[in-house]
Each structure stands twice: as C-alpha cells, then as structure tokens.
Full PDB file with SEQRES, HELIX, SHEET, SSBOND, CRYST1, ORIGX, SCALE, CONECT and MASTER records, all heavy atoms in Angstrom:
SEQRES   1 A   33  THR VAL THR PRO ILE PRO PHE TYR GLU GLN LEU PRO LEU          
SEQRES   2 A   33  VAL LYS GLU VAL ILE SER PHE ALA LYS GLU HIS LEU TYR          
SEQRES   3 A   33  THR ARG TYR ARG SER GLY GLY                                  
HELIX    1 AA1 PHE A    7  GLN A   10  1                                   4    
HELIX    2 AA2 PRO A   12  LYS A   22  1                                  11    
CRYST1    1.000    1.000    1.000  90.00  90.00  90.00 P 1           1          
ORIGX1      1.000000  0.000000  0.000000        0.00000                         
ORIGX2      0.000000  1.000000  0.000000        0.00000                         
ORIGX3      0.000000  0.000000  1.000000        0.00000                         
SCALE1      1.000000  0.000000  0.000000        0.00000                         
SCALE2      0.000000  1.000000  0.000000        0.00000                         
SCALE3      0.000000  0.000000  1.000000        0.00000                         
ATOM      1  N   THR A   1       0.847  -1.234   0.004  1.00  0.00           N  
ATOM      2  CA  THR A   1       0.074   0.013   0.033  1.00  0.00           C  
ATOM      3  C   THR A   1       0.893   1.292  -0.009  1.00  0.00           C  
ATOM      4  O   THR A   1       0.353   2.347  -0.121  1.00  0.00           O  
ATOM      5  CB  THR A   1      -0.964  -0.001   1.221  1.00  0.00           C  
ATOM      6  OG1 THR A   1      -0.191   0.028   2.362  1.00  0.00           O  
ATOM      7  CG2 THR A   1      -1.898  -1.101   1.086  1.00  0.00           C  
ATOM      8  N   VAL A   2       2.163   1.120   0.171  1.00  0.00           N  
ATOM      9  CA  VAL A   2       2.972   2.256   0.220  1.00  0.00           C  
ATOM     10  C   VAL A   2       3.724   2.427  -1.132  1.00  0.00           C  
ATOM     11  O   VAL A   2       4.381   1.583  -1.576  1.00  0.00           O  
ATOM     12  CB  VAL A   2       4.100   2.192   1.381  1.00  0.00           C  
ATOM     13  CG1 VAL A   2       4.977   3.366   1.283  1.00  0.00           C  
ATOM     14  CG2 VAL A   2       3.445   2.025   2.670  1.00  0.00           C  
ATOM     15  N   THR A   3       3.474   3.581  -1.742  1.00  0.00           N  
ATOM     16  CA  THR A   3       4.091   3.902  -3.027  1.00  0.00           C  
ATOM     17  C   THR A   3       5.413   4.724  -2.861  1.00  0.00           C  
ATOM     18  O   THR A   3       5.363   5.704  -2.158  1.00  0.00           O  
ATOM     19  CB  THR A   3       3.122   4.649  -3.962  1.00  0.00           C  
ATOM     20  OG1 THR A   3       1.939   3.895  -4.010  1.00  0.00           O  
ATOM     21  CG2 THR A   3       3.834   4.969  -5.303  1.00  0.00           C  
ATOM     22  N   PRO A   4       6.546   4.212  -3.139  1.00  0.00           N  
ATOM     23  CA  PRO A   4       7.777   4.927  -2.954  1.00  0.00           C  
ATOM     24  C   PRO A   4       7.775   6.174  -3.848  1.00  0.00           C  
ATOM     25  O   PRO A   4       7.244   6.248  -4.975  1.00  0.00           O  
ATOM     26  CB  PRO A   4       8.920   3.962  -3.469  1.00  0.00           C  
ATOM     27  CG  PRO A   4       8.224   3.045  -4.423  1.00  0.00           C  
ATOM     28  CD  PRO A   4       6.816   2.913  -3.975  1.00  0.00           C  
ATOM     29  N   ILE A   5       8.399   7.233  -3.379  1.00  0.00           N  
ATOM     30  CA  ILE A   5       8.488   8.465  -4.111  1.00  0.00           C  
ATOM     31  C   ILE A   5       9.687   8.445  -4.998  1.00  0.00           C  
ATOM     32  O   ILE A   5      10.801   8.259  -4.572  1.00  0.00           O  
ATOM     33  CB  ILE A   5       8.614   9.714  -3.096  1.00  0.00           C  
ATOM     34  CG1 ILE A   5       7.312   9.767  -2.158  1.00  0.00           C  
ATOM     35  CG2 ILE A   5       8.750  11.005  -3.797  1.00  0.00           C  
ATOM     36  CD1 ILE A   5       7.434  10.759  -1.014  1.00  0.00           C  
ATOM     37  N   PRO A   6       9.446   8.607  -6.264  1.00  0.00           N  
ATOM     38  CA  PRO A   6      10.614   8.622  -7.232  1.00  0.00           C  
ATOM     39  C   PRO A   6      11.659   9.685  -6.810  1.00  0.00           C  
ATOM     40  O   PRO A   6      11.271  10.644  -6.292  1.00  0.00           O  
ATOM     41  CB  PRO A   6      10.022   8.899  -8.632  1.00  0.00           C  
ATOM     42  CG  PRO A   6       8.507   8.602  -8.483  1.00  0.00           C  
ATOM     43  CD  PRO A   6       8.242   8.886  -6.982  1.00  0.00           C  
ATOM     44  N   PHE A   7      12.985   9.415  -7.118  1.00  0.00           N  
ATOM     45  CA  PHE A   7      14.052  10.243  -6.797  1.00  0.00           C  
ATOM     46  C   PHE A   7      13.776  11.638  -7.330  1.00  0.00           C  
ATOM     47  O   PHE A   7      13.958  12.647  -6.573  1.00  0.00           O  
ATOM     48  CB  PHE A   7      15.328   9.673  -7.445  1.00  0.00           C  
ATOM     49  CG  PHE A   7      16.432  10.680  -7.593  1.00  0.00           C  
ATOM     50  CD1 PHE A   7      17.147  11.008  -6.338  1.00  0.00           C  
ATOM     51  CD2 PHE A   7      16.705  11.428  -8.672  1.00  0.00           C  
ATOM     52  CE1 PHE A   7      18.194  11.910  -6.416  1.00  0.00           C  
ATOM     53  CE2 PHE A   7      17.730  12.441  -8.744  1.00  0.00           C  
ATOM     54  CZ  PHE A   7      18.480  12.588  -7.571  1.00  0.00           C  
ATOM     55  N   TYR A   8      13.306  11.806  -8.537  1.00  0.00           N  
ATOM     56  CA  TYR A   8      13.157  13.149  -9.123  1.00  0.00           C  
ATOM     57  C   TYR A   8      12.147  14.019  -8.402  1.00  0.00           C  
ATOM     58  O   TYR A   8      12.110  15.202  -8.394  1.00  0.00           O  
ATOM     59  CB  TYR A   8      12.936  13.155 -10.652  1.00  0.00           C  
ATOM     60  CG  TYR A   8      11.485  12.597 -11.030  1.00  0.00           C  
ATOM     61  CD1 TYR A   8      10.541  13.431 -11.279  1.00  0.00           C  
ATOM     62  CD2 TYR A   8      11.311  11.242 -11.118  1.00  0.00           C  
ATOM     63  CE1 TYR A   8       9.267  13.068 -11.569  1.00  0.00           C  
ATOM     64  CE2 TYR A   8      10.163  10.811 -11.517  1.00  0.00           C  
ATOM     65  CZ  TYR A   8       9.043  11.762 -11.742  1.00  0.00           C  
ATOM     66  OH  TYR A   8       7.879  11.217 -12.050  1.00  0.00           O  
ATOM     67  N   GLU A   9      11.093  13.359  -7.774  1.00  0.00           N  
ATOM     68  CA  GLU A   9      10.130  14.088  -7.098  1.00  0.00           C  
ATOM     69  C   GLU A   9      10.639  14.522  -5.685  1.00  0.00           C  
ATOM     70  O   GLU A   9       9.973  15.343  -5.030  1.00  0.00           O  
ATOM     71  CB  GLU A   9       8.935  13.279  -6.980  1.00  0.00           C  
ATOM     72  CG  GLU A   9       8.086  13.194  -8.275  1.00  0.00           C  
ATOM     73  CD  GLU A   9       6.779  12.511  -8.146  1.00  0.00           C  
ATOM     74  OE1 GLU A   9       6.272  12.240  -7.076  1.00  0.00           O  
ATOM     75  OE2 GLU A   9       6.200  12.188  -9.285  1.00  0.00           O  
ATOM     76  N   GLN A  10      11.694  14.041  -5.216  1.00  0.00           N  
ATOM     77  CA  GLN A  10      12.246  14.297  -3.921  1.00  0.00           C  
ATOM     78  C   GLN A  10      12.968  15.648  -4.091  1.00  0.00           C  
ATOM     79  O   GLN A  10      13.133  16.354  -3.079  1.00  0.00           O  
ATOM     80  CB  GLN A  10      13.222  13.282  -3.451  1.00  0.00           C  
ATOM     81  CG  GLN A  10      12.552  11.995  -3.137  1.00  0.00           C  
ATOM     82  CD  GLN A  10      13.516  10.933  -2.681  1.00  0.00           C  
ATOM     83  OE1 GLN A  10      14.675  11.103  -2.460  1.00  0.00           O  
ATOM     84  NE2 GLN A  10      13.089   9.610  -2.898  1.00  0.00           N  
ATOM     85  N   LEU A  11      13.378  16.044  -5.236  1.00  0.00           N  
ATOM     86  CA  LEU A  11      13.988  17.217  -5.466  1.00  0.00           C  
ATOM     87  C   LEU A  11      13.143  18.179  -6.360  1.00  0.00           C  
ATOM     88  O   LEU A  11      13.100  17.944  -7.645  1.00  0.00           O  
ATOM     89  CB  LEU A  11      15.393  16.930  -6.155  1.00  0.00           C  
ATOM     90  CG  LEU A  11      16.387  16.187  -5.360  1.00  0.00           C  
ATOM     91  CD1 LEU A  11      17.651  15.833  -6.246  1.00  0.00           C  
ATOM     92  CD2 LEU A  11      16.818  16.955  -4.212  1.00  0.00           C  
ATOM     93  N   PRO A  12      12.435  19.057  -5.809  1.00  0.00           N  
ATOM     94  CA  PRO A  12      11.587  19.970  -6.554  1.00  0.00           C  
ATOM     95  C   PRO A  12      12.315  20.683  -7.706  1.00  0.00           C  
ATOM     96  O   PRO A  12      11.789  20.876  -8.806  1.00  0.00           O  
ATOM     97  CB  PRO A  12      11.014  20.920  -5.555  1.00  0.00           C  
ATOM     98  CG  PRO A  12      11.253  20.323  -4.270  1.00  0.00           C  
ATOM     99  CD  PRO A  12      12.433  19.480  -4.366  1.00  0.00           C  
ATOM    100  N   LEU A  13      13.670  20.904  -7.479  1.00  0.00           N  
ATOM    101  CA  LEU A  13      14.343  21.614  -8.607  1.00  0.00           C  
ATOM    102  C   LEU A  13      14.478  20.761  -9.881  1.00  0.00           C  
ATOM    103  O   LEU A  13      14.530  21.352 -11.049  1.00  0.00           O  
ATOM    104  CB  LEU A  13      15.805  21.942  -8.093  1.00  0.00           C  
ATOM    105  CG  LEU A  13      15.921  23.245  -7.344  1.00  0.00           C  
ATOM    106  CD1 LEU A  13      17.360  23.446  -6.882  1.00  0.00           C  
ATOM    107  CD2 LEU A  13      15.420  24.492  -8.106  1.00  0.00           C  
ATOM    108  N   VAL A  14      14.437  19.490  -9.787  1.00  0.00           N  
ATOM    109  CA  VAL A  14      14.472  18.619 -10.986  1.00  0.00           C  
ATOM    110  C   VAL A  14      13.233  18.886 -11.874  1.00  0.00           C  
ATOM    111  O   VAL A  14      13.369  19.044 -13.067  1.00  0.00           O  
ATOM    112  CB  VAL A  14      14.493  17.103 -10.656  1.00  0.00           C  
ATOM    113  CG1 VAL A  14      14.369  16.273 -11.834  1.00  0.00           C  
ATOM    114  CG2 VAL A  14      15.905  16.847  -9.946  1.00  0.00           C  
ATOM    115  N   LYS A  15      12.103  18.932 -11.207  1.00  0.00           N  
ATOM    116  CA  LYS A  15      10.869  19.314 -12.015  1.00  0.00           C  
ATOM    117  C   LYS A  15      11.035  20.715 -12.661  1.00  0.00           C  
ATOM    118  O   LYS A  15      10.640  20.864 -13.882  1.00  0.00           O  
ATOM    119  CB  LYS A  15       9.634  19.295 -11.198  1.00  0.00           C  
ATOM    120  CG  LYS A  15       9.126  17.949 -10.739  1.00  0.00           C  
ATOM    121  CD  LYS A  15       7.891  18.126  -9.920  1.00  0.00           C  
ATOM    122  CE  LYS A  15       7.339  16.703  -9.600  1.00  0.00           C  
ATOM    123  NZ  LYS A  15       6.097  16.822  -8.835  1.00  0.00           N  
ATOM    124  N   GLU A  16      11.621  21.656 -12.005  1.00  0.00           N  
ATOM    125  CA  GLU A  16      11.877  22.935 -12.622  1.00  0.00           C  
ATOM    126  C   GLU A  16      12.767  22.886 -13.658  1.00  0.00           C  
ATOM    127  O   GLU A  16      12.599  23.664 -14.710  1.00  0.00           O  
ATOM    128  CB  GLU A  16      12.358  23.919 -11.459  1.00  0.00           C  
ATOM    129  CG  GLU A  16      11.222  24.177 -10.359  1.00  0.00           C  
ATOM    130  CD  GLU A  16      11.705  25.223  -9.382  1.00  0.00           C  
ATOM    131  OE1 GLU A  16      12.371  26.156  -9.640  1.00  0.00           O  
ATOM    132  OE2 GLU A  16      11.354  24.928  -8.134  1.00  0.00           O  
ATOM    133  N   VAL A  17      13.873  22.192 -13.554  1.00  0.00           N  
ATOM    134  CA  VAL A  17      14.788  22.082 -14.728  1.00  0.00           C  
ATOM    135  C   VAL A  17      14.114  21.503 -15.907  1.00  0.00           C  
ATOM    136  O   VAL A  17      14.319  22.047 -17.090  1.00  0.00           O  
ATOM    137  CB  VAL A  17      16.061  21.209 -14.278  1.00  0.00           C  
ATOM    138  CG1 VAL A  17      16.955  20.888 -15.520  1.00  0.00           C  
ATOM    139  CG2 VAL A  17      16.823  21.850 -13.160  1.00  0.00           C  
ATOM    140  N   ILE A  18      13.373  20.360 -15.733  1.00  0.00           N  
ATOM    141  CA  ILE A  18      12.655  19.840 -16.921  1.00  0.00           C  
ATOM    142  C   ILE A  18      11.709  20.780 -17.484  1.00  0.00           C  
ATOM    143  O   ILE A  18      11.571  20.910 -18.698  1.00  0.00           O  
ATOM    144  CB  ILE A  18      12.012  18.535 -16.471  1.00  0.00           C  
ATOM    145  CG1 ILE A  18      13.041  17.422 -16.102  1.00  0.00           C  
ATOM    146  CG2 ILE A  18      11.041  17.972 -17.581  1.00  0.00           C  
ATOM    147  CD1 ILE A  18      12.640  16.159 -15.429  1.00  0.00           C  
ATOM    148  N   SER A  19      10.936  21.508 -16.662  1.00  0.00           N  
ATOM    149  CA  SER A  19      10.027  22.482 -17.152  1.00  0.00           C  
ATOM    150  C   SER A  19      10.691  23.520 -17.918  1.00  0.00           C  
ATOM    151  O   SER A  19      10.243  24.026 -19.005  1.00  0.00           O  
ATOM    152  CB  SER A  19       9.246  23.051 -15.990  1.00  0.00           C  
ATOM    153  OG  SER A  19       8.324  24.059 -16.439  1.00  0.00           O  
ATOM    154  N   PHE A  20      11.841  23.986 -17.427  1.00  0.00           N  
ATOM    155  CA  PHE A  20      12.638  25.053 -18.032  1.00  0.00           C  
ATOM    156  C   PHE A  20      13.097  24.532 -19.460  1.00  0.00           C  
ATOM    157  O   PHE A  20      13.025  25.275 -20.470  1.00  0.00           O  
ATOM    158  CB  PHE A  20      13.730  25.499 -17.228  1.00  0.00           C  
ATOM    159  CG  PHE A  20      14.613  26.624 -17.749  1.00  0.00           C  
ATOM    160  CD1 PHE A  20      14.140  27.929 -17.849  1.00  0.00           C  
ATOM    161  CD2 PHE A  20      15.879  26.348 -18.185  1.00  0.00           C  
ATOM    162  CE1 PHE A  20      14.976  28.837 -18.315  1.00  0.00           C  
ATOM    163  CE2 PHE A  20      16.747  27.325 -18.789  1.00  0.00           C  
ATOM    164  CZ  PHE A  20      16.276  28.626 -18.841  1.00  0.00           C  
ATOM    165  N   ALA A  21      13.518  23.332 -19.434  1.00  0.00           N  
ATOM    166  CA  ALA A  21      14.051  22.732 -20.740  1.00  0.00           C  
ATOM    167  C   ALA A  21      12.899  22.696 -21.727  1.00  0.00           C  
ATOM    168  O   ALA A  21      13.124  23.028 -22.911  1.00  0.00           O  
ATOM    169  CB  ALA A  21      14.559  21.320 -20.428  1.00  0.00           C  
ATOM    170  N   LYS A  22      11.703  22.350 -21.393  1.00  0.00           N  
ATOM    171  CA  LYS A  22      10.605  22.188 -22.231  1.00  0.00           C  
ATOM    172  C   LYS A  22      10.243  23.599 -22.883  1.00  0.00           C  
ATOM    173  O   LYS A  22       9.679  23.650 -23.941  1.00  0.00           O  
ATOM    174  CB  LYS A  22       9.308  21.671 -21.501  1.00  0.00           C  
ATOM    175  CG  LYS A  22       9.422  20.249 -21.141  1.00  0.00           C  
ATOM    176  CD  LYS A  22       8.265  19.764 -20.312  1.00  0.00           C  
ATOM    177  CE  LYS A  22       8.398  18.255 -19.857  1.00  0.00           C  
ATOM    178  NZ  LYS A  22       7.305  17.869 -19.065  1.00  0.00           N  
ATOM    179  N   GLU A  23      10.450  24.623 -22.125  1.00  0.00           N  
ATOM    180  CA  GLU A  23      10.170  25.998 -22.642  1.00  0.00           C  
ATOM    181  C   GLU A  23      11.038  26.299 -23.872  1.00  0.00           C  
ATOM    182  O   GLU A  23      10.643  27.192 -24.604  1.00  0.00           O  
ATOM    183  CB  GLU A  23      10.533  26.932 -21.596  1.00  0.00           C  
ATOM    184  CG  GLU A  23       9.588  27.112 -20.402  1.00  0.00           C  
ATOM    185  CD  GLU A  23      10.002  28.000 -19.356  1.00  0.00           C  
ATOM    186  OE1 GLU A  23      10.768  28.956 -19.583  1.00  0.00           O  
ATOM    187  OE2 GLU A  23       9.480  27.801 -18.117  1.00  0.00           O  
ATOM    188  N   HIS A  24      12.094  25.513 -24.164  1.00  0.00           N  
ATOM    189  CA  HIS A  24      12.940  25.829 -25.219  1.00  0.00           C  
ATOM    190  C   HIS A  24      12.817  24.772 -26.374  1.00  0.00           C  
ATOM    191  O   HIS A  24      13.624  24.749 -27.315  1.00  0.00           O  
ATOM    192  CB  HIS A  24      14.397  25.844 -24.747  1.00  0.00           C  
ATOM    193  CG  HIS A  24      14.627  27.010 -23.749  1.00  0.00           C  
ATOM    194  ND1 HIS A  24      14.432  26.773 -22.393  1.00  0.00           N  
ATOM    195  CD2 HIS A  24      14.941  28.246 -23.911  1.00  0.00           C  
ATOM    196  CE1 HIS A  24      14.540  27.880 -21.721  1.00  0.00           C  
ATOM    197  NE2 HIS A  24      14.892  28.818 -22.669  1.00  0.00           N  
ATOM    198  N   LEU A  25      11.698  23.985 -26.393  1.00  0.00           N  
ATOM    199  CA  LEU A  25      11.462  23.191 -27.480  1.00  0.00           C  
ATOM    200  C   LEU A  25      11.383  23.944 -28.834  1.00  0.00           C  
ATOM    201  O   LEU A  25      10.961  25.013 -28.821  1.00  0.00           O  
ATOM    202  CB  LEU A  25      10.072  22.423 -27.275  1.00  0.00           C  
ATOM    203  CG  LEU A  25       9.959  21.192 -26.474  1.00  0.00           C  
ATOM    204  CD1 LEU A  25       8.640  20.791 -26.189  1.00  0.00           C  
ATOM    205  CD2 LEU A  25      10.785  20.064 -27.112  1.00  0.00           C  
ATOM    206  N   TYR A  26      11.920  23.344 -29.778  1.00  0.00           N  
ATOM    207  CA  TYR A  26      11.954  23.808 -31.164  1.00  0.00           C  
ATOM    208  C   TYR A  26      12.954  25.024 -31.341  1.00  0.00           C  
ATOM    209  O   TYR A  26      13.029  25.541 -32.533  1.00  0.00           O  
ATOM    210  CB  TYR A  26      10.576  24.242 -31.674  1.00  0.00           C  
ATOM    211  CG  TYR A  26       9.560  23.230 -31.398  1.00  0.00           C  
ATOM    212  CD1 TYR A  26       8.522  23.448 -30.479  1.00  0.00           C  
ATOM    213  CD2 TYR A  26       9.612  21.981 -31.989  1.00  0.00           C  
ATOM    214  CE1 TYR A  26       7.569  22.434 -30.244  1.00  0.00           C  
ATOM    215  CE2 TYR A  26       8.645  21.040 -31.676  1.00  0.00           C  
ATOM    216  CZ  TYR A  26       7.677  21.287 -30.831  1.00  0.00           C  
ATOM    217  OH  TYR A  26       6.743  20.292 -30.608  1.00  0.00           O  
ATOM    218  N   THR A  27      13.764  25.279 -30.364  1.00  0.00           N  
ATOM    219  CA  THR A  27      14.847  26.239 -30.518  1.00  0.00           C  
ATOM    220  C   THR A  27      15.882  25.582 -31.562  1.00  0.00           C  
ATOM    221  O   THR A  27      16.147  24.353 -31.336  1.00  0.00           O  
ATOM    222  CB  THR A  27      15.624  26.567 -29.185  1.00  0.00           C  
ATOM    223  OG1 THR A  27      14.669  27.073 -28.324  1.00  0.00           O  
ATOM    224  CG2 THR A  27      16.787  27.516 -29.408  1.00  0.00           C  
ATOM    225  N   ARG A  28      16.334  26.352 -32.473  1.00  0.00           N  
ATOM    226  CA  ARG A  28      17.175  25.709 -33.525  1.00  0.00           C  
ATOM    227  C   ARG A  28      18.448  25.186 -32.955  1.00  0.00           C  
ATOM    228  O   ARG A  28      19.052  25.559 -31.977  1.00  0.00           O  
ATOM    229  CB  ARG A  28      17.462  26.671 -34.695  1.00  0.00           C  
ATOM    230  CG  ARG A  28      18.449  27.842 -34.341  1.00  0.00           C  
ATOM    231  CD  ARG A  28      18.507  28.778 -35.502  1.00  0.00           C  
ATOM    232  NE  ARG A  28      19.665  29.709 -35.281  1.00  0.00           N  
ATOM    233  CZ  ARG A  28      20.813  29.571 -35.952  1.00  0.00           C  
ATOM    234  NH1 ARG A  28      21.047  28.593 -36.659  1.00  0.00           N  
ATOM    235  NH2 ARG A  28      21.795  30.406 -35.593  1.00  0.00           N  
ATOM    236  N   TYR A  29      19.049  24.207 -33.763  1.00  0.00           N  
ATOM    237  CA  TYR A  29      20.404  23.709 -33.453  1.00  0.00           C  
ATOM    238  C   TYR A  29      21.432  24.669 -33.958  1.00  0.00           C  
ATOM    239  O   TYR A  29      21.313  25.228 -35.001  1.00  0.00           O  
ATOM    240  CB  TYR A  29      20.615  22.353 -34.137  1.00  0.00           C  
ATOM    241  CG  TYR A  29      21.965  21.835 -33.804  1.00  0.00           C  
ATOM    242  CD1 TYR A  29      22.208  21.025 -32.758  1.00  0.00           C  
ATOM    243  CD2 TYR A  29      23.034  22.014 -34.786  1.00  0.00           C  
ATOM    244  CE1 TYR A  29      23.443  20.494 -32.498  1.00  0.00           C  
ATOM    245  CE2 TYR A  29      24.307  21.591 -34.463  1.00  0.00           C  
ATOM    246  CZ  TYR A  29      24.509  20.745 -33.261  1.00  0.00           C  
ATOM    247  OH  TYR A  29      25.748  20.366 -33.086  1.00  0.00           O  
ATOM    248  N   ARG A  30      22.481  24.869 -33.185  1.00  0.00           N  
ATOM    249  CA  ARG A  30      23.560  25.695 -33.671  1.00  0.00           C  
ATOM    250  C   ARG A  30      24.851  25.095 -33.031  1.00  0.00           C  
ATOM    251  O   ARG A  30      24.993  24.996 -31.887  1.00  0.00           O  
ATOM    252  CB  ARG A  30      23.291  27.164 -33.065  1.00  0.00           C  
ATOM    253  CG  ARG A  30      24.416  28.113 -33.566  1.00  0.00           C  
ATOM    254  CD  ARG A  30      24.027  29.510 -33.071  1.00  0.00           C  
ATOM    255  NE  ARG A  30      25.100  30.407 -33.163  1.00  0.00           N  
ATOM    256  CZ  ARG A  30      25.199  31.468 -32.593  1.00  0.00           C  
ATOM    257  NH1 ARG A  30      24.231  31.933 -31.798  1.00  0.00           N  
ATOM    258  NH2 ARG A  30      26.229  32.341 -32.811  1.00  0.00           N  
ATOM    259  N   SER A  31      25.779  24.776 -33.928  1.00  0.00           N  
ATOM    260  CA  SER A  31      27.034  24.166 -33.475  1.00  0.00           C  
ATOM    261  C   SER A  31      27.736  25.191 -32.508  1.00  0.00           C  
ATOM    262  O   SER A  31      27.951  26.266 -32.858  1.00  0.00           O  
ATOM    263  CB  SER A  31      27.986  23.905 -34.705  1.00  0.00           C  
ATOM    264  OG  SER A  31      29.129  23.209 -34.228  1.00  0.00           O  
ATOM    265  N   GLY A  32      28.078  24.643 -31.439  1.00  0.00           N  
ATOM    266  CA  GLY A  32      28.740  25.467 -30.309  1.00  0.00           C  
ATOM    267  C   GLY A  32      27.742  26.337 -29.595  1.00  0.00           C  
ATOM    268  O   GLY A  32      28.225  27.127 -28.663  1.00  0.00           O  
ATOM    269  N   GLY A  33      26.495  26.275 -29.956  1.00  0.00           N  
ATOM    270  CA  GLY A  33      25.518  27.143 -29.397  1.00  0.00           C  
ATOM    271  C   GLY A  33      25.204  26.969 -27.863  1.00  0.00           C  
ATOM    272  O   GLY A  33      25.063  25.791 -27.506  1.00  0.00           O  
TER     273      GLY A  33                                                      
MASTER        0    0    0    2    0    0    0    6  272    1    0    3          
END                                                                             
C-alpha cells in the first residue's frame, strides 16, 4: 500500500529544470550554441 516517491520528485528543482528545458522546445540547433 506504500508507493515509493521517485528520486526526481524528492528534488523539486528537478521538475523545474525539466519544465525550463521544455520551454525551449523547437529552438534551432547551432554548433557550439
């Protein structure tokens, strides 16, 4: 009955990093960018 909390949910900043990364979807590729 106990569901373990995944590692990434233990660190709220991880969710924020992923959310921030998603904000940049479709940004173009640039070598060295």
